[in-house]
Amino acid sequence: MTDRTDAELIQAAESEAAAFAELYRRHVPTVHAWFRRRLEWAASDLTAEAFAQAWLSRRSFRDEADGSALPWLFGIARNVARESARRNAVETRARRRLGLPTDLAPEDGYAAVEERLSPRVALAEALELLPEHEREALELRVVDELPYPDVAARLGVRPAAARLRVSRALRRLSTMPLKEDT
């Protein structure tokens, strides 16, 4: 099934559930990374919604990219993101009219505690301590989920050098002492 184009998979999905599953496996990392760069807090939910919309609208797919469904999926993702923003704006206006807090989580010191204990904050601080060339390689590989040949191309190095940079960054992170709470 992996030798089929995206267009062939979408067409086959009418009678083969595995065909759409293959399309999903091919493109979920890219679509999720797209959402994560824009709406990190909701990336997983919005990715799931985008693929649900793709399934529902699969009959309207038009092959306009030589068999690739990625432009079509990005169009769906843009619509899902726009609808999510619209829904959020409507909910925020309704909360204001009702005199409710517009921030769904009240600020009773929880944010400060969460910030202090957040693994994300600790990771961001640790990443800042890495040499720039290692941090950039690690972010491209782990955060953006790019394959090593793409990481190498972005960095202007060979794939072996990209692997080495990522490996060194991971080793440095694993040996950094945890920040003690004061």
C-alpha atoms as a PDB file:
ATOM      1  CA  MET A   1       0.000   0.000   0.000  1.00  0.00           C
ATOM      2  CA  THR A   2       2.932   2.358   0.579  1.00  0.00           C
ATOM      3  CA  ASP A   3       3.625   2.499  -3.156  1.00  0.00           C
ATOM      4  CA  ARG A   4       0.256   4.188  -3.832  1.00  0.00           C
ATOM      5  CA  THR A   5      -0.048   7.928  -4.227  1.00  0.00           C
ATOM      6  CA  ASP A   6      -2.123   9.883  -1.740  1.00  0.00           C
ATOM      7  CA  ALA A   7      -4.792  10.339  -4.415  1.00  0.00           C
ATOM      8  CA  GLU A   8      -4.973   6.568  -4.925  1.00  0.00           C
ATOM      9  CA  LEU A   9      -5.240   6.033  -1.173  1.00  0.00           C
ATOM     10  CA  ILE A  10      -8.114   8.497  -0.872  1.00  0.00           C
ATOM     11  CA  GLN A  11      -9.936   6.835  -3.730  1.00  0.00           C
ATOM     12  CA  ALA A  12      -9.324   3.374  -2.245  1.00  0.00           C
ATOM     13  CA  ALA A  13     -10.506   4.574   1.180  1.00  0.00           C
ATOM     14  CA  GLU A  14     -14.094   4.217  -0.024  1.00  0.00           C
ATOM     15  CA  SER A  15     -13.758   0.451   0.291  1.00  0.00           C
ATOM     16  CA  GLU A  16     -10.507  -0.028   2.266  1.00  0.00           C
ATOM     17  CA  ALA A  17     -10.194   1.549   5.716  1.00  0.00           C
ATOM     18  CA  ALA A  18      -6.480   0.698   5.683  1.00  0.00           C
ATOM     19  CA  ALA A  19      -5.976   3.067   2.755  1.00  0.00           C
ATOM     20  CA  PHE A  20      -7.029   6.112   4.776  1.00  0.00           C
ATOM     21  CA  ALA A  21      -4.997   4.819   7.714  1.00  0.00           C
ATOM     22  CA  GLU A  22      -1.922   4.825   5.472  1.00  0.00           C
ATOM     23  CA  LEU A  23      -2.664   8.388   4.355  1.00  0.00           C
ATOM     24  CA  TYR A  24      -2.955   9.342   8.026  1.00  0.00           C
ATOM     25  CA  ARG A  25       0.371   7.667   8.911  1.00  0.00           C
ATOM     26  CA  ARG A  26       2.095   9.462   6.053  1.00  0.00           C
ATOM     27  CA  HIS A  27       0.942  12.938   6.911  1.00  0.00           C
ATOM     28  CA  VAL A  28      -0.011  13.142  10.589  1.00  0.00           C
ATOM     29  CA  PRO A  29       3.508  14.199  11.698  1.00  0.00           C
ATOM     30  CA  THR A  30       3.570  17.074   9.194  1.00  0.00           C
ATOM     31  CA  VAL A  31       0.027  18.265   9.931  1.00  0.00           C
ATOM     32  CA  HIS A  32       0.620  17.993  13.686  1.00  0.00           C
ATOM     33  CA  ALA A  33       3.862  19.976  13.398  1.00  0.00           C
ATOM     34  CA  TRP A  34       1.973  22.641  11.409  1.00  0.00           C
ATOM     35  CA  PHE A  35      -0.614  22.982  14.176  1.00  0.00           C
ATOM     36  CA  ARG A  36       2.045  22.869  16.896  1.00  0.00           C
ATOM     37  CA  ARG A  37       3.823  25.866  15.375  1.00  0.00           C
ATOM     38  CA  ARG A  38       0.590  27.860  15.335  1.00  0.00           C
ATOM     39  CA  LEU A  39      -1.575  26.650  18.217  1.00  0.00           C
ATOM     40  CA  GLU A  40       0.654  24.508  20.403  1.00  0.00           C
ATOM     41  CA  TRP A  41      -1.854  24.141  23.232  1.00  0.00           C
ATOM     42  CA  ALA A  42      -4.417  22.494  20.930  1.00  0.00           C
ATOM     43  CA  ALA A  43      -2.235  20.840  18.280  1.00  0.00           C
ATOM     44  CA  SER A  44      -3.250  17.254  18.991  1.00  0.00           C
ATOM     45  CA  ASP A  45      -6.972  17.990  19.131  1.00  0.00           C
ATOM     46  CA  LEU A  46      -6.866  20.111  15.992  1.00  0.00           C
ATOM     47  CA  THR A  47      -4.841  17.483  14.126  1.00  0.00           C
ATOM     48  CA  ALA A  48      -7.445  14.867  14.999  1.00  0.00           C
ATOM     49  CA  GLU A  49     -10.196  17.235  13.884  1.00  0.00           C
ATOM     50  CA  ALA A  50      -8.414  17.951  10.587  1.00  0.00           C
ATOM     51  CA  PHE A  51      -8.127  14.252   9.754  1.00  0.00           C
ATOM     52  CA  ALA A  52     -11.746  13.663  10.763  1.00  0.00           C
ATOM     53  CA  GLN A  53     -12.731  16.453   8.371  1.00  0.00           C
ATOM     54  CA  ALA A  54     -10.509  14.925   5.688  1.00  0.00           C
ATOM     55  CA  TRP A  55     -12.286  11.602   6.114  1.00  0.00           C
ATOM     56  CA  LEU A  56     -15.699  13.248   5.888  1.00  0.00           C
ATOM     57  CA  SER A  57     -14.753  15.251   2.798  1.00  0.00           C
ATOM     58  CA  ARG A  58     -12.671  12.585   1.048  1.00  0.00           C
ATOM     59  CA  ARG A  59     -15.165  12.414  -1.840  1.00  0.00           C
ATOM     60  CA  SER A  60     -14.504  16.075  -2.631  1.00  0.00           C
ATOM     61  CA  PHE A  61     -10.735  15.555  -2.964  1.00  0.00           C
ATOM     62  CA  ARG A  62      -9.348  16.783  -6.276  1.00  0.00           C
ATOM     63  CA  ASP A  63      -5.858  15.670  -7.245  1.00  0.00           C
ATOM     64  CA  GLU A  64      -4.206  18.988  -8.023  1.00  0.00           C
ATOM     65  CA  ALA A  65      -0.698  18.170  -6.784  1.00  0.00           C
ATOM     66  CA  ASP A  66       0.426  15.123  -8.777  1.00  0.00           C
ATOM     67  CA  GLY A  67      -1.041  12.606  -6.371  1.00  0.00           C
ATOM     68  CA  SER A  68      -0.118  14.403  -3.121  1.00  0.00           C
ATOM     69  CA  ALA A  69      -2.878  15.147  -0.628  1.00  0.00           C
ATOM     70  CA  LEU A  70      -0.715  17.403   1.533  1.00  0.00           C
ATOM     71  CA  PRO A  71      -1.939  20.719   0.031  1.00  0.00           C
ATOM     72  CA  TRP A  72      -5.527  19.512   0.478  1.00  0.00           C
ATOM     73  CA  LEU A  73      -4.785  18.489   4.088  1.00  0.00           C
ATOM     74  CA  PHE A  74      -3.196  21.882   4.799  1.00  0.00           C
ATOM     75  CA  GLY A  75      -6.312  23.573   3.407  1.00  0.00           C
ATOM     76  CA  ILE A  76      -8.438  21.528   5.778  1.00  0.00           C
ATOM     77  CA  ALA A  77      -6.034  22.315   8.631  1.00  0.00           C
ATOM     78  CA  ARG A  78      -6.303  26.062   7.905  1.00  0.00           C
ATOM     79  CA  ASN A  79     -10.087  25.814   7.982  1.00  0.00           C
ATOM     80  CA  VAL A  80     -10.015  23.854  11.248  1.00  0.00           C
ATOM     81  CA  ALA A  81      -7.652  26.421  12.818  1.00  0.00           C
ATOM     82  CA  ARG A  82      -9.828  29.314  11.606  1.00  0.00           C
ATOM     83  CA  GLU A  83     -12.988  27.656  12.965  1.00  0.00           C
ATOM     84  CA  SER A  84     -11.275  26.980  16.290  1.00  0.00           C
ATOM     85  CA  ALA A  85     -10.232  30.647  16.566  1.00  0.00           C
ATOM     86  CA  ARG A  86     -13.768  31.781  15.662  1.00  0.00           C
ATOM     87  CA  ARG A  87     -15.290  29.445  18.253  1.00  0.00           C
ATOM     88  CA  ASN A  88     -12.834  30.678  20.889  1.00  0.00           C
ATOM     89  CA  ALA A  89     -13.700  34.306  20.096  1.00  0.00           C
ATOM     90  CA  VAL A  90     -17.441  33.593  20.372  1.00  0.00           C
ATOM     91  CA  GLU A  91     -16.942  31.831  23.710  1.00  0.00           C
ATOM     92  CA  THR A  92     -14.781  34.681  25.022  1.00  0.00           C
ATOM     93  CA  ARG A  93     -17.392  37.309  24.045  1.00  0.00           C
ATOM     94  CA  ALA A  94     -20.116  35.228  25.714  1.00  0.00           C
ATOM     95  CA  ARG A  95     -18.085  34.977  28.926  1.00  0.00           C
ATOM     96  CA  ARG A  96     -17.566  38.770  28.903  1.00  0.00           C
ATOM     97  CA  ARG A  97     -21.296  39.436  28.413  1.00  0.00           C
ATOM     98  CA  LEU A  98     -22.098  37.109  31.307  1.00  0.00           C
ATOM     99  CA  GLY A  99     -19.486  38.753  33.508  1.00  0.00           C
ATOM    100  CA  LEU A 100     -17.426  35.570  33.722  1.00  0.00           C
ATOM    101  CA  PRO A 101     -13.632  35.552  33.630  1.00  0.00           C
ATOM    102  CA  THR A 102     -12.315  35.371  30.085  1.00  0.00           C
ATOM    103  CA  ASP A 103      -9.360  33.332  31.315  1.00  0.00           C
ATOM    104  CA  LEU A 104     -10.742  29.853  31.865  1.00  0.00           C
ATOM    105  CA  ALA A 105      -8.232  29.081  34.606  1.00  0.00           C
ATOM    106  CA  PRO A 106      -8.447  31.509  37.520  1.00  0.00           C
ATOM    107  CA  GLU A 107      -5.124  32.985  38.612  1.00  0.00           C
ATOM    108  CA  ASP A 108      -4.880  31.927  42.242  1.00  0.00           C
ATOM    109  CA  GLY A 109      -1.152  31.421  42.151  1.00  0.00           C
ATOM    110  CA  TYR A 110      -1.525  28.207  40.160  1.00  0.00           C
ATOM    111  CA  ALA A 111       0.156  29.676  37.104  1.00  0.00           C
ATOM    112  CA  ALA A 112       3.265  30.550  39.100  1.00  0.00           C
ATOM    113  CA  VAL A 113       3.438  27.057  40.582  1.00  0.00           C
ATOM    114  CA  GLU A 114       2.846  25.449  37.216  1.00  0.00           C
ATOM    115  CA  GLU A 115       5.510  27.643  35.641  1.00  0.00           C
ATOM    116  CA  ARG A 116       8.026  26.731  38.336  1.00  0.00           C
ATOM    117  CA  LEU A 117       7.324  23.001  38.109  1.00  0.00           C
ATOM    118  CA  SER A 118       6.752  22.774  34.375  1.00  0.00           C
ATOM    119  CA  PRO A 119       8.977  20.294  32.543  1.00  0.00           C
ATOM    120  CA  ARG A 120       8.513  22.475  29.446  1.00  0.00           C
ATOM    121  CA  VAL A 121      10.109  25.445  31.203  1.00  0.00           C
ATOM    122  CA  ALA A 122      12.963  23.289  32.505  1.00  0.00           C
ATOM    123  CA  LEU A 123      13.509  21.887  29.018  1.00  0.00           C
ATOM    124  CA  ALA A 124      13.523  25.350  27.445  1.00  0.00           C
ATOM    125  CA  GLU A 125      16.093  26.495  29.997  1.00  0.00           C
ATOM    126  CA  ALA A 126      18.232  23.404  29.360  1.00  0.00           C
ATOM    127  CA  LEU A 127      18.024  23.888  25.594  1.00  0.00           C
ATOM    128  CA  GLU A 128      19.332  27.432  25.996  1.00  0.00           C
ATOM    129  CA  LEU A 129      22.476  25.988  27.582  1.00  0.00           C
ATOM    130  CA  LEU A 130      23.272  23.855  24.522  1.00  0.00           C
ATOM    131  CA  PRO A 131      25.662  25.097  21.840  1.00  0.00           C
ATOM    132  CA  GLU A 132      23.595  26.748  19.108  1.00  0.00           C
ATOM    133  CA  HIS A 133      24.498  24.236  16.388  1.00  0.00           C
ATOM    134  CA  GLU A 134      23.429  21.311  18.600  1.00  0.00           C
ATOM    135  CA  ARG A 135      20.252  23.038  19.795  1.00  0.00           C
ATOM    136  CA  GLU A 136      19.216  23.842  16.227  1.00  0.00           C
ATOM    137  CA  ALA A 137      19.823  20.267  15.070  1.00  0.00           C
ATOM    138  CA  LEU A 138      17.888  18.872  18.021  1.00  0.00           C
ATOM    139  CA  GLU A 139      14.942  21.204  17.451  1.00  0.00           C
ATOM    140  CA  LEU A 140      14.763  20.346  13.754  1.00  0.00           C
ATOM    141  CA  ARG A 141      14.886  16.613  14.456  1.00  0.00           C
ATOM    142  CA  VAL A 142      12.762  16.355  17.625  1.00  0.00           C
ATOM    143  CA  VAL A 143      10.473  19.380  17.632  1.00  0.00           C
ATOM    144  CA  ASP A 144       9.893  19.718  13.883  1.00  0.00           C
ATOM    145  CA  GLU A 145      10.169  15.924  13.440  1.00  0.00           C
ATOM    146  CA  LEU A 146      12.290  16.236  10.306  1.00  0.00           C
ATOM    147  CA  PRO A 147      14.193  13.214   9.020  1.00  0.00           C
ATOM    148  CA  TYR A 148      17.974  13.433   9.244  1.00  0.00           C
ATOM    149  CA  PRO A 149      18.500  14.180   5.531  1.00  0.00           C
ATOM    150  CA  ASP A 150      16.212  17.232   5.886  1.00  0.00           C
ATOM    151  CA  VAL A 151      17.933  18.323   9.107  1.00  0.00           C
ATOM    152  CA  ALA A 152      21.279  18.046   7.320  1.00  0.00           C
ATOM    153  CA  ALA A 153      20.026  20.051   4.344  1.00  0.00           C
ATOM    154  CA  ARG A 154      18.701  22.841   6.598  1.00  0.00           C
ATOM    155  CA  LEU A 155      21.979  22.984   8.495  1.00  0.00           C
ATOM    156  CA  GLY A 156      24.159  22.667   5.406  1.00  0.00           C
ATOM    157  CA  VAL A 157      25.932  19.572   6.708  1.00  0.00           C
ATOM    158  CA  ARG A 158      25.992  15.878   5.853  1.00  0.00           C
ATOM    159  CA  PRO A 159      23.397  13.564   7.462  1.00  0.00           C
ATOM    160  CA  ALA A 160      26.089  11.919   9.597  1.00  0.00           C
ATOM    161  CA  ALA A 161      27.023  15.328  11.025  1.00  0.00           C
ATOM    162  CA  ALA A 162      23.369  16.101  11.724  1.00  0.00           C
ATOM    163  CA  ARG A 163      23.011  12.771  13.583  1.00  0.00           C
ATOM    164  CA  LEU A 164      26.134  13.531  15.589  1.00  0.00           C
ATOM    165  CA  ARG A 165      24.859  16.980  16.584  1.00  0.00           C
ATOM    166  CA  VAL A 166      21.517  15.584  17.714  1.00  0.00           C
ATOM    167  CA  SER A 167      23.244  12.764  19.591  1.00  0.00           C
ATOM    168  CA  ARG A 168      25.565  15.187  21.375  1.00  0.00           C
ATOM    169  CA  ALA A 169      22.670  17.476  22.289  1.00  0.00           C
ATOM    170  CA  LEU A 170      20.699  14.573  23.742  1.00  0.00           C
ATOM    171  CA  ARG A 171      23.734  13.366  25.673  1.00  0.00           C
ATOM    172  CA  ARG A 172      24.311  16.859  27.114  1.00  0.00           C
ATOM    173  CA  LEU A 173      20.649  17.142  28.114  1.00  0.00           C
ATOM    174  CA  SER A 174      20.712  13.743  29.801  1.00  0.00           C
ATOM    175  CA  THR A 175      23.711  14.703  31.914  1.00  0.00           C
ATOM    176  CA  MET A 176      22.531  18.173  32.950  1.00  0.00           C
ATOM    177  CA  PRO A 177      21.651  18.426  36.627  1.00  0.00           C
ATOM    178  CA  LEU A 178      18.000  19.059  37.412  1.00  0.00           C
ATOM    179  CA  LYS A 179      17.271  22.571  38.622  1.00  0.00           C
ATOM    180  CA  GLU A 180      16.615  22.515  42.355  1.00  0.00           C
ATOM    181  CA  ASP A 181      13.512  24.278  43.584  1.00  0.00           C
ATOM    182  CA  THR A 182      14.424  27.108  45.951  1.00  0.00           C
END
